[in-house]
Amino acid sequence: MDNGIFNIVLEYINIIFLVFTVILFTMFTFMGYLSTRSSIHYKNKNSFGDLSKIMASPLAPSITIIAPAYNEGMTIVENIRSLMSLRYVNYEVMVVNDGSKDDTLEKMIEAYDLVKIERKIDPNWKSKPIRGIYKSKHSSFSKLTVIDKENGGKSDALNTGIQLSENKYVGCIDVDCLLLPDALLHVVKSFYQRSKKRVVAVGGVIRIANSCKIAGGRLEEIRLPKNWLAKFQLLEYTRSFILGRMAWGRIDSLLIISGAFGFFDREIALAVGGYDTNTVGEDMEIVFKMRRYMHERKLPYTVEYIPDPLCWTEVPEDLKILINQRDRWSRGNLETLYKHKDMFLNPKFGRLGMLSYPYWFFYEWFAPILEFVGFFSILLFYYLGILNWEFFVAITCTVYTFSVMFSFYAILWDVYSYNEYKKTKDILTLMFCAIIEPIVFHPIVVWAAVRGNYKKLFKVKSGWGSQVRKGFAKA
């Protein structure tokens, strides 16, 4: 009798894994289809017309690029130079020095001849105290504003910038990100291409700049990263942004905009209180809040997504830093999902509640935990001599093959759509990464996610963390 019950339990476990696998396969296949349709539609829609003359006009809508800086003294001058060279007239670059302990502020003052100015500050806005606001003496740097404040974290720095900005739109980016010259033209076009819906936010693809050649704040040559961790992340980003987020954008269900490249309607951002300073997943949290705000008021709105490679950033090349980053992402996901748990399978929120939220819950949060538990279950079953080898081999080979083919499709579709990596050797290298990723890189990501969830669920003290950057290669 005991053996019969035990066998039934094992059968149910097998069924759970099988059903979960089939659902994921179906969803990822559908996402691939949606992203392909969306990419084709986007390219066709943007294959004609030249908006550069209109958007370069002084009558174009105003926008503020907010870039928090903490201990960025080594690269801050060049980073600002890059942001100041965008092809757009009516924009401001606002660098928020978030209590840097190095010479970040001094280098900005020296390089751009900054002087402290007086500016009215809302005393009711919650943020760490501002120590000074700086503008340049020279008209050639009139677009630059530097805010010096006490350290409060990235979210607090971004909120300070949103509050002090006087423009219609705000762009929240990482200060070390490199934006292509036409980036703002694409962003503003996305805000204005809808006639019946208000565009409250615009996000886009994040490209990896490790090993690329940079000169004068400009991208001179695109190169495949030399570091293997960076190569795996390039593959992961390609799959995530080109297929995943493109698909969610297609059905207007995108729930996250990368903190490295996100633009918002300032009025709505202020209405929801800006970024949440009590979470490490602030980029996901603000999109949730803005969507809820519009949805609950029954206001027609949308969140746009740009597939063009407009933003390039450096990713971790150190294993410890990578794990800390993914640990933080997992904690941020869990915090946001828990805070908005009433959206789960709630038809009141439409596709967001019935499709997007469940996907984030089951795949982004629950799947790594299930994988982790499943691995040790397999070891236990093997030790007890009850492992169903036929089922195990069949489902493992199926999952592995599907994973590799999905990555292959992402690589080839990216080559067809944007062709950033033109060398055959680079494409073959990425395909090799796709073949070994499930065995080499994916377990690291799963472990980091499990660790992050453990810290959050058991209240292990852990902060935002930091990333030590090597800096871009010089041309």
Protein backbone atom coordinates (compact mmCIF):
# COMPACT_ATOMS: atom_id res chain seq x y z
CA MET A 1 0.00 0.00 0.00
CA ASP A 2 2.80 2.39 0.94
CA ASN A 3 4.58 1.65 -2.34
CA GLY A 4 1.36 2.29 -4.26
CA ILE A 5 0.89 5.68 -2.62
CA PHE A 6 4.54 6.51 -3.22
CA ASN A 7 4.23 5.65 -6.92
CA ILE A 8 1.13 7.82 -7.22
CA VAL A 9 3.02 10.75 -5.69
CA LEU A 10 5.86 10.21 -8.16
CA GLU A 11 3.40 10.13 -11.04
CA TYR A 12 1.88 13.42 -9.91
CA ILE A 13 5.35 14.99 -9.68
CA ASN A 14 6.10 13.84 -13.22
CA ILE A 15 2.77 15.26 -14.43
CA ILE A 16 3.49 18.61 -12.77
CA PHE A 17 6.88 18.89 -14.49
CA LEU A 18 5.40 17.79 -17.81
CA VAL A 19 2.49 20.26 -17.68
CA PHE A 20 4.79 23.10 -16.61
CA THR A 21 7.15 22.29 -19.47
CA VAL A 22 4.36 22.15 -22.07
CA ILE A 23 2.94 25.49 -20.90
CA LEU A 24 6.37 27.14 -21.11
CA PHE A 25 7.00 25.68 -24.56
CA THR A 26 3.64 26.95 -25.78
CA MET A 27 4.17 30.39 -24.31
CA PHE A 28 7.68 30.79 -25.69
CA THR A 29 6.59 29.63 -29.14
CA PHE A 30 3.76 32.18 -29.05
CA MET A 31 6.18 34.87 -27.88
CA GLY A 32 8.49 34.07 -30.79
CA TYR A 33 5.58 34.45 -33.19
CA LEU A 34 4.41 37.73 -31.64
CA SER A 35 7.90 39.25 -31.55
CA THR A 36 8.47 38.34 -35.21
CA ARG A 37 5.18 39.96 -36.24
CA SER A 38 5.98 43.00 -34.12
CA SER A 39 9.49 43.40 -35.57
CA ILE A 40 8.20 43.18 -39.14
CA HIS A 41 5.45 45.70 -38.37
CA TYR A 42 7.92 48.08 -36.74
CA LYS A 43 10.39 47.92 -39.64
CA ASN A 44 7.63 48.46 -42.22
CA LYS A 45 6.17 51.35 -40.26
CA ASN A 46 9.56 53.07 -39.96
CA SER A 47 10.83 52.37 -43.48
CA PHE A 48 9.56 55.66 -44.83
CA GLY A 49 9.52 59.26 -43.70
CA ASP A 50 12.21 61.36 -42.08
CA LEU A 51 11.25 62.82 -38.71
CA SER A 52 14.72 64.15 -37.91
CA LYS A 53 13.99 67.63 -39.29
CA ILE A 54 10.79 67.93 -37.28
CA MET A 55 12.19 66.45 -34.06
CA ALA A 56 15.35 68.58 -34.30
CA SER A 57 13.15 71.67 -34.27
CA PRO A 58 12.91 73.95 -31.20
CA LEU A 59 9.15 73.22 -31.31
CA ALA A 60 9.75 69.55 -30.52
CA PRO A 61 8.56 68.40 -27.07
CA SER A 62 10.98 68.95 -24.21
CA ILE A 63 12.71 66.08 -22.47
CA THR A 64 15.09 65.70 -19.51
CA ILE A 65 17.62 62.89 -19.34
CA ILE A 66 18.23 62.05 -15.67
CA ALA A 67 21.44 60.16 -14.91
CA PRO A 68 22.26 59.23 -11.29
CA ALA A 69 25.98 59.11 -10.55
CA TYR A 70 27.70 57.48 -7.59
CA ASN A 71 31.50 57.24 -7.54
CA GLU A 72 31.76 57.61 -11.32
CA GLY A 73 34.80 59.90 -11.27
CA MET A 74 36.79 57.71 -13.67
CA THR A 75 34.34 58.07 -16.57
CA ILE A 76 31.86 60.82 -15.68
CA VAL A 77 33.30 63.50 -17.98
CA GLU A 78 33.20 61.28 -21.06
CA ASN A 79 29.76 59.94 -20.15
CA ILE A 80 28.34 63.45 -19.98
CA ARG A 81 30.02 64.35 -23.26
CA SER A 82 28.19 61.44 -24.86
CA LEU A 83 24.82 62.56 -23.48
CA MET A 84 25.44 66.14 -24.65
CA SER A 85 26.01 65.08 -28.26
CA LEU A 86 22.55 63.69 -29.05
CA ARG A 87 20.71 64.83 -32.18
CA TYR A 88 17.94 66.77 -30.52
CA VAL A 89 17.42 70.43 -29.67
CA ASN A 90 14.96 70.70 -26.81
CA TYR A 91 16.50 68.50 -24.12
CA GLU A 92 18.34 68.79 -20.82
CA VAL A 93 20.95 66.51 -19.28
CA MET A 94 20.50 66.34 -15.50
CA VAL A 95 23.24 64.45 -13.67
CA VAL A 96 22.37 63.70 -10.03
CA ASN A 97 25.49 63.20 -7.93
CA ASP A 98 24.12 60.87 -5.26
CA GLY A 99 26.59 61.59 -2.47
CA SER A 100 29.66 60.26 -4.30
CA LYS A 101 32.67 59.65 -2.06
CA ASP A 102 35.21 60.08 -4.86
CA ASP A 103 35.96 63.09 -7.09
CA THR A 104 32.86 62.77 -9.33
CA LEU A 105 31.54 66.25 -8.49
CA GLU A 106 34.96 67.92 -8.66
CA LYS A 107 35.64 66.49 -12.11
CA MET A 108 32.29 67.72 -13.43
CA ILE A 109 32.87 71.20 -12.00
CA GLU A 110 36.32 71.40 -13.53
CA ALA A 111 35.48 69.92 -16.94
CA TYR A 112 32.31 71.95 -17.52
CA ASP A 113 33.14 75.09 -15.51
CA LEU A 114 30.14 74.72 -13.22
CA VAL A 115 28.91 77.26 -10.68
CA LYS A 116 26.27 76.88 -7.99
CA ILE A 117 22.90 78.50 -8.73
CA GLU A 118 19.75 79.20 -6.76
CA ARG A 119 16.65 77.20 -7.64
CA LYS A 120 13.33 76.76 -5.91
CA ILE A 121 12.87 73.29 -4.40
CA ASP A 122 9.54 71.85 -3.23
CA PRO A 123 10.02 71.27 0.53
CA ASN A 124 7.28 68.61 0.56
CA TRP A 125 8.95 66.34 -1.99
CA LYS A 126 10.49 63.37 -0.21
CA SER A 127 14.15 62.89 -1.07
CA LYS A 128 17.53 63.22 0.59
CA PRO A 129 18.69 66.83 1.09
CA ILE A 130 20.09 68.64 -1.94
CA ARG A 131 23.48 70.24 -1.29
CA GLY A 132 23.68 72.30 -4.43
CA ILE A 133 22.54 72.79 -8.03
CA TYR A 134 25.12 73.64 -10.67
CA LYS A 135 25.08 75.12 -14.19
CA SER A 136 27.92 75.91 -16.55
CA LYS A 137 29.23 79.43 -17.22
CA HIS A 138 29.48 78.57 -20.91
CA SER A 139 26.52 78.59 -23.27
CA SER A 140 27.87 75.52 -25.09
CA PHE A 141 27.07 73.49 -21.96
CA SER A 142 23.71 75.15 -21.26
CA LYS A 143 21.89 71.80 -21.55
CA LEU A 144 23.76 70.43 -18.52
CA THR A 145 22.43 70.63 -14.96
CA VAL A 146 24.21 68.94 -12.06
CA ILE A 147 22.41 68.17 -8.80
CA ASP A 148 24.56 67.40 -5.75
CA LYS A 149 22.69 65.62 -2.97
CA GLU A 150 23.20 63.33 -0.03
CA ASN A 151 23.30 59.63 -0.78
CA GLY A 152 19.87 58.03 -0.97
CA GLY A 153 20.23 55.37 -3.64
CA LYS A 154 19.38 55.26 -7.32
CA SER A 155 15.60 55.59 -6.86
CA ASP A 156 15.98 58.64 -4.63
CA ALA A 157 18.34 60.26 -7.13
CA LEU A 158 15.91 59.64 -10.00
CA ASN A 159 13.02 61.06 -7.97
CA THR A 160 15.05 64.19 -7.31
CA GLY A 161 15.60 64.61 -11.03
CA ILE A 162 11.92 64.02 -11.87
CA GLN A 163 10.89 66.63 -9.32
CA LEU A 164 13.39 69.28 -10.46
CA SER A 165 12.79 68.72 -14.16
CA GLU A 166 10.44 71.17 -15.85
CA ASN A 167 10.06 69.27 -19.11
CA LYS A 168 7.17 67.18 -20.44
CA TYR A 169 9.11 63.90 -20.54
CA VAL A 170 11.89 62.44 -18.44
CA GLY A 171 14.40 59.79 -19.40
CA CYS A 172 15.87 57.73 -16.57
CA ILE A 173 19.14 56.08 -17.57
CA ASP A 174 22.38 54.79 -16.09
CA VAL A 175 25.07 57.47 -16.37
CA ASP A 176 27.53 55.06 -17.97
CA CYS A 177 25.10 54.10 -20.74
CA LEU A 178 25.97 55.17 -24.25
CA LEU A 179 23.01 56.46 -26.26
CA LEU A 180 23.21 56.60 -30.03
CA PRO A 181 22.87 60.12 -31.51
CA ASP A 182 19.32 59.52 -32.82
CA ALA A 183 18.04 57.94 -29.60
CA LEU A 184 15.83 60.86 -28.52
CA LEU A 185 14.31 61.15 -32.00
CA HIS A 186 13.06 57.56 -31.73
CA VAL A 187 11.86 58.08 -28.15
CA VAL A 188 9.86 61.23 -28.84
CA LYS A 189 8.42 59.71 -32.01
CA SER A 190 7.18 56.80 -29.87
CA PHE A 191 5.46 59.21 -27.49
CA TYR A 192 3.66 60.95 -30.36
CA GLN A 193 2.78 58.14 -32.76
CA ARG A 194 -0.45 57.23 -30.92
CA SER A 195 -3.59 59.30 -31.45
CA LYS A 196 -6.15 57.50 -29.28
CA LYS A 197 -3.96 56.38 -26.37
CA ARG A 198 -1.65 58.32 -24.09
CA VAL A 199 1.86 56.90 -24.13
CA VAL A 200 2.97 56.92 -20.49
CA ALA A 201 6.31 55.19 -20.90
CA VAL A 202 8.79 54.13 -23.58
CA GLY A 203 11.43 51.42 -23.19
CA GLY A 204 13.88 49.81 -25.53
CA VAL A 205 16.55 47.24 -26.27
CA ILE A 206 19.72 47.25 -24.17
CA ARG A 207 22.85 46.27 -26.09
CA ILE A 208 26.13 45.14 -24.58
CA ALA A 209 29.12 47.42 -25.13
CA ASN A 210 31.84 45.28 -23.54
CA SER A 211 34.88 45.24 -25.88
CA CYS A 212 33.26 47.74 -28.29
CA LYS A 213 35.35 50.72 -29.41
CA ILE A 214 34.27 54.09 -28.04
CA ALA A 215 35.72 57.48 -29.02
CA GLY A 216 34.55 60.87 -27.73
CA GLY A 217 31.45 59.33 -26.21
CA ARG A 218 30.48 57.72 -29.53
CA LEU A 219 30.24 54.09 -30.57
CA GLU A 220 32.92 53.59 -33.22
CA GLU A 221 32.96 49.83 -33.69
CA ILE A 222 30.69 47.03 -32.48
CA ARG A 223 32.58 44.00 -31.26
CA LEU A 224 31.64 40.73 -29.65
CA PRO A 225 32.68 40.73 -25.96
CA LYS A 226 35.96 38.97 -25.25
CA ASN A 227 34.84 37.85 -21.80
CA TRP A 228 32.77 34.63 -21.79
CA LEU A 229 30.40 35.80 -19.06
CA ALA A 230 29.65 38.88 -21.16
CA LYS A 231 29.06 36.66 -24.22
CA PHE A 232 26.48 34.61 -22.35
CA GLN A 233 24.77 37.80 -21.20
CA LEU A 234 24.74 39.11 -24.77
CA LEU A 235 22.91 35.96 -25.82
CA GLU A 236 20.54 36.30 -22.87
CA TYR A 237 19.83 39.96 -23.62
CA THR A 238 19.24 39.23 -27.30
CA ARG A 239 16.73 36.53 -26.44
CA SER A 240 15.04 38.60 -23.73
CA PHE A 241 14.77 41.93 -25.53
CA ILE A 242 14.40 40.90 -29.19
CA LEU A 243 11.91 38.09 -28.54
CA GLY A 244 10.54 38.41 -25.00
CA ARG A 245 9.86 42.09 -24.44
CA MET A 246 9.08 42.68 -28.09
CA ALA A 247 6.29 40.12 -27.79
CA TRP A 248 4.84 41.67 -24.62
CA GLY A 249 5.00 45.09 -26.24
CA ARG A 250 3.07 43.73 -29.21
CA ILE A 251 0.06 42.90 -27.02
CA ASP A 252 0.50 46.01 -24.86
CA SER A 253 1.34 43.99 -21.76
CA LEU A 254 4.92 45.03 -21.02
CA LEU A 255 5.47 45.16 -17.25
CA ILE A 256 9.10 46.24 -17.07
CA ILE A 257 11.28 48.90 -18.65
CA SER A 258 15.00 48.54 -18.11
CA GLY A 259 16.48 51.02 -15.65
CA ALA A 260 19.27 51.65 -18.13
CA PHE A 261 16.90 53.12 -20.76
CA GLY A 262 13.43 54.22 -19.69
CA PHE A 263 11.44 57.33 -20.63
CA PHE A 264 8.26 58.50 -18.92
CA ASP A 265 5.47 61.02 -19.10
CA ARG A 266 6.57 63.23 -16.20
CA GLU A 267 3.01 64.14 -15.19
CA ILE A 268 2.03 60.50 -14.67
CA ALA A 269 5.37 59.66 -13.03
CA LEU A 270 4.77 62.42 -10.48
CA ALA A 271 1.14 61.35 -9.99
CA VAL A 272 2.24 57.87 -8.85
CA GLY A 273 4.92 59.28 -6.53
CA GLY A 274 7.93 58.52 -8.70
CA TYR A 275 10.18 55.57 -8.00
CA ASP A 276 9.73 53.42 -4.90
CA THR A 277 12.81 53.90 -2.71
CA ASN A 278 12.01 50.80 -0.64
CA THR A 279 12.61 48.27 -3.41
CA VAL A 280 15.66 47.18 -5.38
CA GLY A 281 13.42 46.56 -8.41
CA GLU A 282 12.49 50.19 -8.97
CA ASP A 283 12.38 49.92 -12.77
CA MET A 284 9.66 47.24 -12.67
CA GLU A 285 7.79 48.84 -9.79
CA ILE A 286 7.23 52.22 -11.48
CA VAL A 287 5.76 50.57 -14.60
CA PHE A 288 3.36 48.58 -12.41
CA LYS A 289 2.31 51.78 -10.63
CA MET A 290 1.82 53.80 -13.79
CA ARG A 291 -0.20 51.03 -15.44
CA ARG A 292 -2.39 50.64 -12.37
CA TYR A 293 -2.90 54.40 -12.15
CA MET A 294 -4.17 54.61 -15.73
CA HIS A 295 -6.10 51.33 -15.59
CA GLU A 296 -7.98 52.11 -12.40
CA ARG A 297 -9.05 55.48 -13.84
CA LYS A 298 -10.10 53.84 -17.09
CA LEU A 299 -7.87 56.17 -19.09
CA PRO A 300 -6.72 54.95 -22.54
CA TYR A 301 -2.96 54.47 -22.41
CA THR A 302 -0.09 52.32 -23.60
CA VAL A 303 3.58 51.56 -22.97
CA GLU A 304 5.71 51.64 -26.13
CA TYR A 305 8.77 49.53 -26.88
CA ILE A 306 11.59 50.40 -29.30
CA PRO A 307 13.51 47.44 -30.80
CA ASP A 308 16.19 49.65 -32.38
CA PRO A 309 19.64 49.30 -30.71
CA LEU A 310 19.77 52.78 -29.17
CA CYS A 311 21.35 52.12 -25.76
CA TRP A 312 24.65 50.33 -25.07
CA THR A 313 25.90 49.45 -21.61
CA GLU A 314 28.56 47.45 -19.85
CA VAL A 315 27.62 44.16 -18.17
CA PRO A 316 29.47 42.35 -15.35
CA GLU A 317 32.50 40.30 -16.31
CA ASP A 318 33.10 39.11 -12.75
CA LEU A 319 31.14 36.09 -11.53
CA LYS A 320 30.56 37.45 -8.02
CA ILE A 321 29.24 40.77 -9.34
CA LEU A 322 26.97 38.96 -11.81
CA ILE A 323 25.48 36.77 -9.08
CA ASN A 324 24.90 39.81 -6.87
CA GLN A 325 23.16 41.56 -9.77
CA ARG A 326 20.83 38.64 -10.47
CA ASP A 327 20.26 38.18 -6.74
CA ARG A 328 19.08 41.79 -6.62
CA TRP A 329 16.85 41.37 -9.66
CA SER A 330 15.14 38.38 -8.04
CA ARG A 331 14.51 40.29 -4.83
CA GLY A 332 13.09 43.18 -6.84
CA ASN A 333 10.78 40.86 -8.79
CA LEU A 334 9.45 39.28 -5.62
CA GLU A 335 8.92 42.65 -3.92
CA THR A 336 6.94 44.03 -6.85
CA LEU A 337 4.90 40.88 -7.44
CA TYR A 338 3.96 40.71 -3.76
CA LYS A 339 3.05 44.40 -3.58
CA HIS A 340 0.69 44.02 -6.56
CA LYS A 341 -0.52 40.50 -5.76
CA ASP A 342 -4.16 41.55 -6.18
CA MET A 343 -3.52 41.70 -9.95
CA PHE A 344 -2.88 37.94 -10.14
CA LEU A 345 -5.52 36.35 -12.42
CA ASN A 346 -7.73 39.39 -11.82
CA PRO A 347 -9.87 40.04 -14.93
CA LYS A 348 -10.28 43.64 -13.77
CA PHE A 349 -6.77 44.30 -15.10
CA GLY A 350 -7.36 42.59 -18.44
CA ARG A 351 -4.28 41.09 -20.12
CA LEU A 352 -2.05 42.44 -17.34
CA GLY A 353 -3.84 40.40 -14.68
CA MET A 354 -4.66 37.35 -16.76
CA LEU A 355 -1.48 36.98 -18.82
CA SER A 356 1.46 39.27 -17.96
CA TYR A 357 1.37 38.94 -14.19
CA PRO A 358 0.98 35.11 -14.26
CA TYR A 359 3.92 34.90 -16.67
CA TRP A 360 6.15 36.90 -14.36
CA PHE A 361 4.92 34.88 -11.39
CA PHE A 362 5.42 31.43 -12.90
CA TYR A 363 8.40 31.97 -15.17
CA GLU A 364 10.43 34.86 -13.73
CA TRP A 365 9.81 33.96 -10.08
CA PHE A 366 8.65 30.35 -9.71
CA ALA A 367 10.55 28.60 -12.54
CA PRO A 368 14.06 29.02 -11.02
CA ILE A 369 12.79 27.68 -7.70
CA LEU A 370 11.15 24.73 -9.44
CA GLU A 371 14.37 24.01 -11.36
CA PHE A 372 16.40 24.15 -8.16
CA VAL A 373 14.03 21.82 -6.29
CA GLY A 374 13.79 19.56 -9.34
CA PHE A 375 17.57 19.13 -9.51
CA PHE A 376 17.78 17.89 -5.92
CA SER A 377 14.65 15.78 -6.41
CA ILE A 378 16.40 13.99 -9.27
CA LEU A 379 19.43 13.33 -7.08
CA LEU A 380 17.18 12.02 -4.32
CA PHE A 381 15.20 9.79 -6.69
CA TYR A 382 18.46 8.43 -8.14
CA TYR A 383 19.77 7.71 -4.65
CA LEU A 384 16.53 5.92 -3.72
CA GLY A 385 16.61 3.97 -6.99
CA ILE A 386 13.19 5.23 -8.12
CA LEU A 387 14.22 7.60 -10.90
CA ASN A 388 12.16 7.09 -14.06
CA TRP A 389 15.07 7.18 -16.49
CA GLU A 390 12.95 7.15 -19.65
CA PHE A 391 10.89 10.13 -18.55
CA PHE A 392 13.96 11.97 -17.21
CA VAL A 393 16.01 11.55 -20.39
CA ALA A 394 13.06 12.37 -22.65
CA ILE A 395 12.05 15.59 -20.89
CA THR A 396 15.67 16.72 -20.39
CA CYS A 397 16.52 16.28 -24.07
CA THR A 398 13.27 17.99 -25.10
CA VAL A 399 13.86 21.02 -22.83
CA TYR A 400 17.50 21.30 -23.88
CA THR A 401 16.71 21.10 -27.60
CA PHE A 402 13.89 23.64 -27.35
CA SER A 403 16.12 26.02 -25.36
CA VAL A 404 18.94 25.85 -27.90
CA MET A 405 16.59 26.25 -30.88
CA PHE A 406 14.89 29.26 -29.26
CA SER A 407 18.31 30.87 -28.74
CA PHE A 408 19.30 30.07 -32.33
CA TYR A 409 16.14 31.75 -33.55
CA ALA A 410 16.85 34.86 -31.44
CA ILE A 411 20.41 35.09 -32.83
CA LEU A 412 19.37 34.61 -36.46
CA TRP A 413 16.40 36.96 -36.20
CA ASP A 414 18.66 39.61 -34.69
CA VAL A 415 21.13 39.13 -37.56
CA TYR A 416 18.31 39.44 -40.09
CA SER A 417 16.76 42.49 -38.40
CA TYR A 418 19.78 44.56 -37.31
CA ASN A 419 22.95 42.68 -38.28
CA GLU A 420 25.06 44.24 -35.52
CA TYR A 421 27.57 41.37 -35.52
CA LYS A 422 28.55 40.88 -39.13
CA LYS A 423 31.41 38.39 -38.80
CA THR A 424 30.51 34.75 -39.34
CA LYS A 425 32.87 33.87 -36.50
CA ASP A 426 30.84 36.02 -34.08
CA ILE A 427 27.56 34.39 -35.09
CA LEU A 428 29.04 30.92 -34.69
CA THR A 429 30.46 31.91 -31.30
CA LEU A 430 27.01 33.01 -30.11
CA MET A 431 25.53 29.76 -31.37
CA PHE A 432 28.18 27.82 -29.47
CA CYS A 433 27.21 29.83 -26.38
CA ALA A 434 23.59 28.84 -26.99
CA ILE A 435 24.58 25.16 -27.07
CA ILE A 436 26.48 25.23 -23.77
CA GLU A 437 24.47 27.94 -21.97
CA PRO A 438 21.92 25.54 -20.42
CA ILE A 439 24.78 23.62 -18.82
CA VAL A 440 27.30 26.37 -18.05
CA PHE A 441 25.56 29.73 -17.57
CA HIS A 442 21.92 28.97 -16.78
CA PRO A 443 22.67 27.14 -13.49
CA ILE A 444 24.46 30.30 -12.27
CA VAL A 445 21.38 32.39 -13.02
CA VAL A 446 19.12 29.87 -11.28
CA TRP A 447 21.36 29.81 -8.19
CA ALA A 448 21.41 33.62 -8.03
CA ALA A 449 17.61 33.73 -8.29
CA VAL A 450 17.18 31.15 -5.52
CA ARG A 451 19.63 33.04 -3.32
CA GLY A 452 17.77 36.29 -3.90
CA ASN A 453 14.43 34.72 -3.05
CA TYR A 454 15.91 33.13 0.08
CA LYS A 455 17.24 36.50 1.24
CA LYS A 456 13.91 38.19 0.66
CA LEU A 457 11.68 35.49 2.11
CA PHE A 458 13.84 34.97 5.21
CA LYS A 459 14.62 38.68 5.62
CA VAL A 460 18.38 38.36 5.19
CA LYS A 461 19.78 41.88 5.13
CA SER A 462 21.06 42.75 1.68
CA GLY A 463 21.41 46.05 -0.15
CA TRP A 464 21.40 47.24 -3.74
CA GLY A 465 25.00 46.19 -4.34
CA SER A 466 27.49 47.75 -6.71
CA GLN A 467 29.13 47.00 -10.01
CA VAL A 468 32.81 47.68 -10.59
CA ARG A 469 33.06 48.70 -14.22
CA LYS A 470 36.13 48.33 -16.39
CA GLY A 471 35.16 51.12 -18.75
CA PHE A 472 34.64 50.98 -22.50
CA ALA A 473 37.45 50.17 -24.89
CA LYS A 474 38.90 53.26 -26.55
CA ALA A 475 39.17 53.62 -30.27
